[in-house]
N, C-alpha and C. Protein backbone atom coordinates (compact mmCIF):
# COMPACT_ATOMS: atom_id res chain seq x y z
N UNK A 1 -36.48 -39.85 -138.62
CA UNK A 1 -36.50 -39.08 -139.96
C UNK A 1 -37.00 -39.99 -141.12
N UNK A 2 -37.89 -39.25 -141.76
CA UNK A 2 -39.29 -39.54 -142.58
C UNK A 2 -38.19 -39.94 -143.58
N UNK A 3 -38.60 -41.34 -144.42
CA UNK A 3 -38.15 -41.61 -145.87
C UNK A 3 -38.53 -41.02 -146.78
N UNK A 4 -38.58 -40.96 -148.11
CA UNK A 4 -39.13 -40.34 -149.37
C UNK A 4 -40.28 -40.89 -149.44
N UNK A 5 -40.32 -42.41 -149.33
CA UNK A 5 -41.69 -43.21 -149.46
C UNK A 5 -42.73 -42.50 -148.56
N UNK A 6 -42.42 -42.69 -147.34
CA UNK A 6 -43.19 -42.44 -146.34
C UNK A 6 -43.77 -41.04 -146.21
N UNK A 7 -42.91 -40.09 -146.73
CA UNK A 7 -43.66 -38.59 -146.79
C UNK A 7 -44.43 -38.64 -148.20
N UNK A 8 -44.05 -39.26 -149.23
CA UNK A 8 -45.17 -39.40 -150.34
C UNK A 8 -46.31 -40.04 -149.89
N UNK A 9 -46.42 -41.05 -149.11
CA UNK A 9 -47.47 -41.86 -148.80
C UNK A 9 -48.32 -40.85 -147.84
N UNK A 10 -47.71 -40.15 -146.91
CA UNK A 10 -48.06 -39.21 -146.06
C UNK A 10 -49.16 -38.12 -146.85
N UNK A 11 -48.29 -37.37 -148.09
CA UNK A 11 -48.88 -36.55 -148.90
C UNK A 11 -49.80 -37.02 -149.54
N UNK A 12 -49.82 -38.10 -150.13
CA UNK A 12 -50.91 -39.09 -151.02
C UNK A 12 -52.14 -38.92 -149.92
N UNK A 13 -51.96 -39.36 -148.92
CA UNK A 13 -53.10 -39.60 -147.66
C UNK A 13 -53.85 -38.19 -147.74
N UNK A 14 -52.94 -37.09 -147.38
CA UNK A 14 -53.48 -35.87 -147.14
C UNK A 14 -54.36 -35.24 -148.35
N UNK A 15 -53.78 -35.71 -149.75
CA UNK A 15 -54.77 -35.36 -150.76
C UNK A 15 -55.97 -36.19 -150.83
N UNK A 16 -56.14 -37.48 -150.35
CA UNK A 16 -57.25 -38.21 -150.59
C UNK A 16 -57.96 -37.57 -149.42
N UNK A 17 -57.72 -37.25 -148.44
CA UNK A 17 -58.70 -36.72 -147.17
C UNK A 17 -59.17 -35.42 -147.55
N UNK A 18 -58.48 -34.64 -148.39
CA UNK A 18 -59.14 -32.99 -148.95
C UNK A 18 -60.27 -33.67 -150.09
N UNK A 19 -59.88 -34.24 -150.95
CA UNK A 19 -60.75 -34.77 -151.96
C UNK A 19 -62.02 -35.31 -151.33
N UNK A 20 -61.73 -36.44 -150.46
CA UNK A 20 -62.94 -37.11 -149.71
C UNK A 20 -63.71 -35.77 -149.03
N UNK A 21 -63.09 -34.84 -148.44
CA UNK A 21 -63.68 -33.68 -147.73
C UNK A 21 -64.71 -32.68 -149.02
N UNK A 22 -64.25 -32.69 -149.90
CA UNK A 22 -64.55 -32.00 -151.05
C UNK A 22 -66.11 -32.65 -151.58
N UNK A 23 -65.83 -33.92 -151.67
CA UNK A 23 -66.75 -34.71 -152.41
C UNK A 23 -68.14 -34.93 -151.33
N UNK A 24 -67.60 -34.96 -150.10
CA UNK A 24 -68.92 -34.80 -148.84
C UNK A 24 -69.50 -33.46 -148.79
N UNK A 25 -68.78 -32.49 -148.76
CA UNK A 25 -69.49 -31.09 -148.86
C UNK A 25 -70.06 -30.67 -150.08
N UNK A 26 -69.95 -31.27 -151.23
CA UNK A 26 -70.62 -31.07 -152.38
C UNK A 26 -71.15 -32.29 -152.97
N UNK A 27 -72.16 -32.79 -152.51
CA UNK A 27 -72.73 -34.04 -153.03
C UNK A 27 -73.13 -34.20 -154.86
N UNK A 28 -73.13 -32.90 -155.05
CA UNK A 28 -73.66 -32.86 -156.69
C UNK A 28 -72.37 -33.52 -157.51
N UNK A 29 -71.15 -33.27 -156.80
CA UNK A 29 -70.01 -33.57 -157.42
C UNK A 29 -69.70 -35.20 -157.39
N UNK A 30 -69.38 -35.58 -158.38
CA UNK A 30 -69.00 -37.27 -158.34
C UNK A 30 -67.43 -37.53 -158.25
N UNK A 31 -67.20 -38.54 -157.75
CA UNK A 31 -65.63 -38.99 -157.68
C UNK A 31 -64.93 -38.66 -158.73
N UNK A 32 -65.29 -38.77 -160.22
CA UNK A 32 -64.79 -38.52 -161.40
C UNK A 32 -64.45 -37.05 -161.32
N UNK A 33 -65.23 -36.22 -160.77
CA UNK A 33 -65.25 -34.60 -160.84
C UNK A 33 -63.90 -33.92 -159.80
N UNK A 34 -63.52 -34.88 -158.86
CA UNK A 34 -62.55 -34.48 -157.91
C UNK A 34 -61.45 -35.61 -157.53
N UNK A 35 -60.23 -35.51 -158.18
CA UNK A 35 -59.40 -36.43 -158.30
C UNK A 35 -58.21 -35.91 -157.51
N UNK A 36 -57.37 -36.96 -156.71
CA UNK A 36 -56.39 -36.43 -156.17
C UNK A 36 -55.01 -36.85 -157.22
N UNK A 37 -54.37 -35.80 -157.39
CA UNK A 37 -53.22 -35.98 -158.36
C UNK A 37 -52.25 -37.22 -157.95
N UNK A 38 -51.44 -37.53 -159.08
CA UNK A 38 -50.51 -38.83 -158.63
C UNK A 38 -49.41 -37.92 -158.16
N UNK A 39 -48.64 -38.52 -157.27
CA UNK A 39 -47.56 -37.96 -156.57
C UNK A 39 -46.43 -37.84 -157.48
N UNK A 40 -45.83 -36.90 -157.10
CA UNK A 40 -44.67 -36.14 -157.96
C UNK A 40 -45.01 -35.54 -159.50
N UNK A 41 -46.26 -35.40 -159.85
CA UNK A 41 -46.71 -34.90 -161.04
C UNK A 41 -46.64 -33.27 -160.62
N UNK A 42 -46.13 -32.20 -161.54
CA UNK A 42 -46.41 -31.00 -161.23
C UNK A 42 -47.75 -30.40 -161.31
N UNK A 43 -48.21 -29.23 -160.74
CA UNK A 43 -49.42 -28.71 -160.85
C UNK A 43 -50.20 -28.95 -159.61
N UNK A 44 -51.63 -28.83 -159.66
CA UNK A 44 -52.18 -28.85 -158.85
C UNK A 44 -52.64 -30.20 -158.01
N UNK A 45 -52.70 -30.10 -156.62
CA UNK A 45 -52.64 -31.74 -156.08
C UNK A 45 -54.22 -32.30 -156.02
N UNK A 46 -55.06 -31.44 -156.43
CA UNK A 46 -56.57 -32.00 -156.33
C UNK A 46 -57.07 -31.52 -157.82
N UNK A 47 -57.40 -32.62 -158.55
CA UNK A 47 -57.64 -32.09 -159.94
C UNK A 47 -59.16 -31.84 -160.10
N UNK A 48 -59.76 -31.03 -160.69
CA UNK A 48 -61.11 -30.98 -160.52
C UNK A 48 -61.51 -30.69 -162.41
N UNK A 49 -62.62 -31.50 -162.63
CA UNK A 49 -63.37 -31.38 -163.82
C UNK A 49 -63.89 -29.95 -164.22
N UNK A 50 -63.98 -30.07 -165.44
CA UNK A 50 -64.87 -28.55 -165.64
C UNK A 50 -66.01 -28.31 -165.00
N UNK A 51 -66.61 -29.63 -164.99
CA UNK A 51 -67.96 -29.49 -163.96
C UNK A 51 -67.72 -28.83 -162.35
N UNK A 52 -66.90 -29.72 -161.84
CA UNK A 52 -66.32 -29.27 -160.64
C UNK A 52 -65.80 -27.87 -160.20
N UNK A 53 -65.32 -27.30 -161.46
CA UNK A 53 -64.68 -25.77 -161.60
C UNK A 53 -65.74 -24.82 -161.84
N UNK A 54 -66.89 -25.28 -162.13
CA UNK A 54 -67.91 -24.29 -162.04
C UNK A 54 -68.46 -23.94 -160.44
N UNK A 55 -68.35 -25.45 -159.79
CA UNK A 55 -68.75 -25.32 -158.59
C UNK A 55 -67.73 -24.68 -157.30
N UNK A 56 -66.38 -25.10 -157.77
CA UNK A 56 -65.31 -24.69 -157.14
C UNK A 56 -64.28 -24.06 -157.87
N UNK A 57 -64.25 -22.68 -158.08
CA UNK A 57 -63.41 -22.01 -159.07
C UNK A 57 -61.89 -21.95 -158.08
N UNK A 58 -61.43 -23.04 -157.65
CA UNK A 58 -60.25 -22.94 -157.19
C UNK A 58 -59.03 -23.85 -157.55
N UNK A 59 -57.66 -23.53 -157.21
CA UNK A 59 -56.49 -24.40 -157.61
C UNK A 59 -56.26 -25.07 -156.22
N UNK A 60 -56.11 -26.05 -155.99
CA UNK A 60 -55.82 -26.71 -154.46
C UNK A 60 -54.85 -27.26 -154.57
N UNK A 61 -53.84 -26.99 -153.74
CA UNK A 61 -52.40 -27.57 -153.02
C UNK A 61 -52.70 -27.83 -151.92
N UNK A 62 -52.23 -29.27 -151.57
CA UNK A 62 -52.28 -30.05 -150.18
C UNK A 62 -50.85 -29.90 -149.80
N UNK A 63 -50.34 -29.53 -148.51
CA UNK A 63 -49.40 -29.98 -147.63
C UNK A 63 -49.49 -30.30 -146.24
N UNK A 64 -49.00 -31.54 -146.16
CA UNK A 64 -49.10 -32.06 -145.02
C UNK A 64 -47.77 -32.57 -144.34
N UNK A 65 -47.46 -32.02 -143.27
CA UNK A 65 -46.21 -31.80 -142.53
C UNK A 65 -46.38 -32.46 -141.40
N UNK A 66 -45.33 -32.49 -140.66
CA UNK A 66 -45.07 -32.78 -139.24
C UNK A 66 -45.26 -31.87 -138.39
N UNK A 67 -44.65 -30.63 -138.94
CA UNK A 67 -45.00 -29.56 -138.13
C UNK A 67 -45.56 -28.08 -138.63
N UNK A 68 -46.40 -27.71 -138.39
CA UNK A 68 -47.33 -26.44 -138.32
C UNK A 68 -47.54 -25.98 -137.27
N UNK A 69 -46.86 -26.15 -136.10
CA UNK A 69 -47.07 -25.79 -134.89
C UNK A 69 -47.51 -24.37 -134.50
N UNK A 70 -46.78 -23.37 -135.45
CA UNK A 70 -46.96 -22.03 -135.25
C UNK A 70 -48.27 -21.62 -135.56
N UNK A 71 -48.64 -22.28 -136.84
CA UNK A 71 -50.09 -21.77 -137.53
C UNK A 71 -50.84 -22.09 -136.75
N UNK A 72 -50.84 -23.42 -135.98
CA UNK A 72 -51.95 -23.85 -135.00
C UNK A 72 -51.96 -22.96 -133.79
N UNK A 73 -50.93 -22.63 -133.30
CA UNK A 73 -50.90 -21.78 -132.22
C UNK A 73 -51.51 -20.23 -132.51
N UNK A 74 -51.15 -19.58 -133.87
CA UNK A 74 -51.89 -18.56 -134.29
C UNK A 74 -53.41 -18.75 -134.29
N UNK A 75 -53.87 -19.97 -134.78
CA UNK A 75 -55.39 -20.07 -134.73
C UNK A 75 -55.77 -20.35 -133.29
N UNK A 76 -55.01 -20.61 -132.54
CA UNK A 76 -55.63 -20.93 -131.15
C UNK A 76 -55.87 -19.48 -130.14
N UNK A 77 -54.65 -18.72 -130.93
CA UNK A 77 -54.75 -17.39 -130.21
C UNK A 77 -56.17 -16.52 -130.80
N UNK A 78 -56.62 -16.94 -131.99
CA UNK A 78 -57.78 -16.63 -132.42
C UNK A 78 -59.40 -16.71 -131.74
N UNK A 79 -59.26 -17.74 -131.02
CA UNK A 79 -60.19 -18.64 -130.56
C UNK A 79 -60.79 -17.49 -129.32
N UNK A 80 -62.02 -17.14 -129.41
CA UNK A 80 -62.84 -16.63 -128.04
C UNK A 80 -63.88 -17.23 -127.71
N UNK A 81 -63.67 -18.24 -126.87
CA UNK A 81 -64.51 -19.04 -125.86
C UNK A 81 -65.41 -19.86 -127.02
N UNK A 82 -64.99 -20.11 -127.88
CA UNK A 82 -65.98 -20.96 -129.04
C UNK A 82 -67.10 -20.06 -129.74
N UNK A 83 -67.27 -18.95 -129.25
CA UNK A 83 -68.31 -18.08 -129.60
C UNK A 83 -68.29 -17.88 -131.23
N UNK A 84 -66.92 -17.69 -131.72
CA UNK A 84 -66.87 -17.13 -133.22
C UNK A 84 -65.72 -18.02 -133.74
N UNK A 85 -65.65 -18.04 -134.97
CA UNK A 85 -65.13 -18.78 -135.93
C UNK A 85 -63.57 -18.30 -135.97
N UNK A 86 -62.64 -18.63 -135.69
CA UNK A 86 -61.20 -18.19 -135.83
C UNK A 86 -60.62 -18.25 -137.11
N UNK A 87 -60.09 -16.93 -137.37
CA UNK A 87 -59.65 -16.70 -138.57
C UNK A 87 -58.37 -16.06 -138.38
N UNK A 88 -57.10 -16.51 -139.30
CA UNK A 88 -55.87 -15.74 -138.99
C UNK A 88 -55.64 -15.19 -140.26
N UNK A 89 -54.83 -13.99 -140.23
CA UNK A 89 -54.59 -13.45 -141.56
C UNK A 89 -53.25 -13.19 -141.50
N UNK A 90 -52.29 -13.67 -142.60
CA UNK A 90 -50.94 -14.14 -142.38
C UNK A 90 -50.27 -13.31 -143.87
N UNK A 91 -49.03 -12.59 -143.39
CA UNK A 91 -48.43 -12.24 -144.58
C UNK A 91 -46.99 -12.12 -144.45
N UNK A 92 -46.38 -12.67 -145.23
CA UNK A 92 -44.92 -12.61 -145.42
C UNK A 92 -44.35 -11.29 -146.04
N UNK A 93 -43.16 -10.91 -145.99
CA UNK A 93 -42.49 -9.88 -146.54
C UNK A 93 -42.73 -9.90 -147.94
N UNK A 94 -43.20 -8.80 -148.89
CA UNK A 94 -43.51 -8.72 -150.11
C UNK A 94 -44.36 -9.79 -150.67
N UNK A 95 -45.20 -10.17 -149.76
CA UNK A 95 -46.16 -11.34 -150.09
C UNK A 95 -47.64 -10.94 -150.00
N UNK A 96 -48.50 -11.50 -150.58
CA UNK A 96 -50.09 -11.18 -150.55
C UNK A 96 -50.53 -11.58 -149.21
N UNK A 97 -51.44 -11.16 -148.62
CA UNK A 97 -52.31 -11.64 -147.52
C UNK A 97 -53.00 -13.06 -147.81
N UNK A 98 -52.51 -13.78 -146.88
CA UNK A 98 -53.13 -15.14 -146.64
C UNK A 98 -54.51 -15.20 -145.62
N UNK A 99 -55.31 -16.09 -145.65
CA UNK A 99 -56.19 -16.07 -144.60
C UNK A 99 -56.39 -17.67 -144.18
N UNK A 100 -56.11 -18.00 -142.83
CA UNK A 100 -56.21 -19.10 -142.19
C UNK A 100 -57.37 -19.78 -141.42
N UNK A 101 -58.09 -20.85 -141.80
CA UNK A 101 -59.25 -21.18 -140.94
C UNK A 101 -59.39 -22.53 -141.07
N UNK A 102 -60.35 -23.15 -140.41
CA UNK A 102 -60.71 -24.59 -140.21
C UNK A 102 -61.09 -25.02 -141.51
N UNK A 103 -60.63 -26.21 -141.80
CA UNK A 103 -61.43 -26.65 -143.43
C UNK A 103 -62.94 -26.89 -143.30
N UNK A 104 -63.28 -27.05 -142.03
CA UNK A 104 -64.95 -27.32 -142.09
C UNK A 104 -65.56 -26.01 -142.37
N UNK A 105 -64.97 -24.84 -141.86
CA UNK A 105 -65.38 -23.56 -142.13
C UNK A 105 -65.40 -23.15 -143.48
N UNK A 106 -64.44 -23.35 -144.09
CA UNK A 106 -64.12 -23.12 -145.51
C UNK A 106 -65.05 -23.85 -146.50
N UNK A 107 -65.36 -25.07 -145.93
CA UNK A 107 -66.26 -25.81 -146.87
C UNK A 107 -67.64 -25.03 -147.17
N UNK A 108 -67.96 -24.48 -145.57
CA UNK A 108 -69.39 -23.97 -145.56
C UNK A 108 -69.29 -22.37 -146.17
N UNK A 109 -68.16 -21.86 -146.35
CA UNK A 109 -68.05 -20.67 -147.08
C UNK A 109 -68.03 -21.04 -148.52
N UNK A 110 -67.45 -22.01 -148.98
CA UNK A 110 -67.61 -22.42 -150.28
C UNK A 110 -68.88 -22.57 -150.74
N UNK A 111 -69.92 -23.50 -149.79
CA UNK A 111 -71.14 -23.62 -150.08
C UNK A 111 -71.99 -22.39 -150.15
N UNK A 112 -71.78 -21.57 -149.28
CA UNK A 112 -72.47 -20.04 -149.51
C UNK A 112 -72.42 -19.07 -150.85
N UNK A 113 -71.41 -19.47 -151.57
CA UNK A 113 -70.81 -18.73 -152.51
C UNK A 113 -72.02 -19.13 -153.82
N UNK A 114 -72.77 -20.51 -153.84
CA UNK A 114 -73.48 -20.64 -154.52
C UNK A 114 -74.52 -19.77 -154.92
């Protein structure tokens, strides 16, 4: 069973990984443009500067858990011999549609919107 401290550490590392991926995908942004939020603070997990918002008009929440097994199973079902990028559309009762894809593919989509 995870302690609260280890859960927060896991979340913090997850936020830092996403921050680093964004900085790598968008080299025009500087470390001060994309920051990991302090744990326990309400709001977005990745804080973007006004300059970064011009490039990435996103509100980013990061979830890092032990088990997202079902989502990975859904993504694996969408794989077709590696020819195409798998994407899963999800919708809960009375909720909006969501799209699930690999993070690297999402970064490429963001780059294309320039």
